[in-house]
């Protein structure tokens, strides 16, 4: 039996959910999907310059889990930039938002 999904503490809700290379029609692009928790990890570590310890506490995960999320996000972004793929950012679902309000 699979473990139940643990919702991460995500504070940032982006206004833009899709990025694509200029001049290439969407129908011709491959897409890389970035999960909300991956975007939050990038925001905390790279944009807000938090340490891994601080960022993992803010996301409410262990440091090794934060590192896996962060590494996955960086690999996806690098692939999209190097190979010219579109990046779609997963929208948070209502269950995640509701669980955060309880926490």
Protein backbone atom coordinates (compact mmCIF):
# COMPACT_ATOMS: atom_id res chain seq x y z
CA UNK A 1 0.00 0.00 0.00
CA UNK A 2 1.37 3.41 -0.98
CA UNK A 3 2.04 6.04 1.63
CA UNK A 4 -0.41 8.96 1.68
CA UNK A 5 0.79 12.16 0.01
CA UNK A 6 2.15 14.69 2.47
CA UNK A 7 1.28 18.21 1.41
CA UNK A 8 4.16 20.67 1.50
CA UNK A 9 3.92 24.15 2.95
CA UNK A 10 3.93 26.30 -0.18
CA UNK A 11 3.62 30.06 0.30
CA UNK A 12 4.07 31.26 -3.27
CA UNK A 13 1.31 31.13 -5.85
CA UNK A 14 2.64 32.32 -9.23
CA UNK A 15 0.66 34.54 -11.58
CA UNK A 16 2.20 32.86 -14.64
CA UNK A 17 2.04 29.08 -15.12
CA UNK A 18 3.64 28.61 -18.52
CA UNK A 19 6.91 29.63 -20.19
CA UNK A 20 7.95 28.77 -23.72
CA UNK A 21 10.73 29.61 -26.15
CA UNK A 22 9.93 32.57 -28.36
CA UNK A 23 8.99 31.95 -31.97
CA UNK A 24 8.07 28.27 -31.64
CA UNK A 25 4.38 27.30 -31.77
CA UNK A 26 3.15 25.54 -28.62
CA UNK A 27 2.00 22.50 -30.60
CA UNK A 28 5.61 21.88 -31.71
CA UNK A 29 7.11 22.05 -28.21
CA UNK A 30 7.85 19.35 -25.72
CA UNK A 31 6.88 20.32 -22.20
CA UNK A 32 8.62 19.99 -18.84
CA UNK A 33 6.24 19.96 -15.86
CA UNK A 34 7.46 21.71 -12.72
CA UNK A 35 5.59 20.78 -9.53
CA UNK A 36 4.49 23.53 -7.13
CA UNK A 37 6.88 22.23 -4.45
CA UNK A 38 9.78 22.36 -6.93
CA UNK A 39 9.02 25.99 -7.78
CA UNK A 40 8.83 26.77 -4.06
CA UNK A 41 12.23 25.13 -3.48
CA UNK A 42 13.79 27.23 -6.27
CA UNK A 43 12.14 30.37 -4.89
CA UNK A 44 13.38 29.76 -1.35
CA UNK A 45 16.94 28.69 -2.18
CA UNK A 46 17.81 30.72 -5.29
CA UNK A 47 15.54 33.76 -5.15
CA UNK A 48 15.28 34.37 -1.41
CA UNK A 49 18.81 33.03 -0.72
CA UNK A 50 17.73 30.84 2.20
CA UNK A 51 20.06 28.14 3.46
CA UNK A 52 19.01 24.56 2.81
CA UNK A 53 18.18 24.18 6.51
CA UNK A 54 15.97 27.31 6.55
CA UNK A 55 14.30 26.40 3.25
CA UNK A 56 13.56 22.82 4.35
CA UNK A 57 11.99 24.11 7.57
CA UNK A 58 9.83 26.57 5.62
CA UNK A 59 8.70 23.82 3.22
CA UNK A 60 8.18 21.54 6.26
CA UNK A 61 10.30 18.69 4.95
CA UNK A 62 13.60 17.12 5.96
CA UNK A 63 16.83 18.48 4.50
CA UNK A 64 17.40 15.36 2.32
CA UNK A 65 13.84 15.63 0.97
CA UNK A 66 14.34 19.33 0.26
CA UNK A 67 17.57 18.54 -1.58
CA UNK A 68 15.79 15.94 -3.76
CA UNK A 69 12.99 18.40 -4.60
CA UNK A 70 15.48 21.21 -5.33
CA UNK A 71 17.71 19.00 -7.49
CA UNK A 72 14.73 17.74 -9.48
CA UNK A 73 13.61 21.32 -10.15
CA UNK A 74 17.07 22.43 -11.26
CA UNK A 75 17.41 19.45 -13.61
CA UNK A 76 14.01 20.14 -15.19
CA UNK A 77 14.75 23.83 -15.69
CA UNK A 78 18.18 23.08 -17.15
CA UNK A 79 16.68 20.55 -19.57
CA UNK A 80 14.02 23.02 -20.71
CA UNK A 81 16.54 25.80 -21.28
CA UNK A 82 19.16 23.67 -23.03
CA UNK A 83 16.77 21.62 -25.17
CA UNK A 84 14.27 24.40 -25.86
CA UNK A 85 11.24 22.90 -24.10
CA UNK A 86 8.30 24.75 -22.59
CA UNK A 87 7.96 24.84 -18.78
CA UNK A 88 4.54 24.37 -17.25
CA UNK A 89 4.08 25.03 -13.55
CA UNK A 90 1.59 22.83 -11.76
CA UNK A 91 -1.29 24.70 -10.19
CA UNK A 92 -1.84 23.88 -6.54
CA UNK A 93 -5.03 21.98 -5.90
CA UNK A 94 -7.62 22.95 -3.33
CA UNK A 95 -6.75 19.99 -1.07
CA UNK A 96 -3.19 21.27 -0.69
CA UNK A 97 -4.39 24.79 0.11
CA UNK A 98 -6.95 23.48 2.62
CA UNK A 99 -4.37 21.31 4.39
CA UNK A 100 -2.04 24.30 4.70
CA UNK A 101 -4.74 26.41 6.31
CA UNK A 102 -5.20 23.71 8.97
CA UNK A 103 -1.45 23.52 9.66
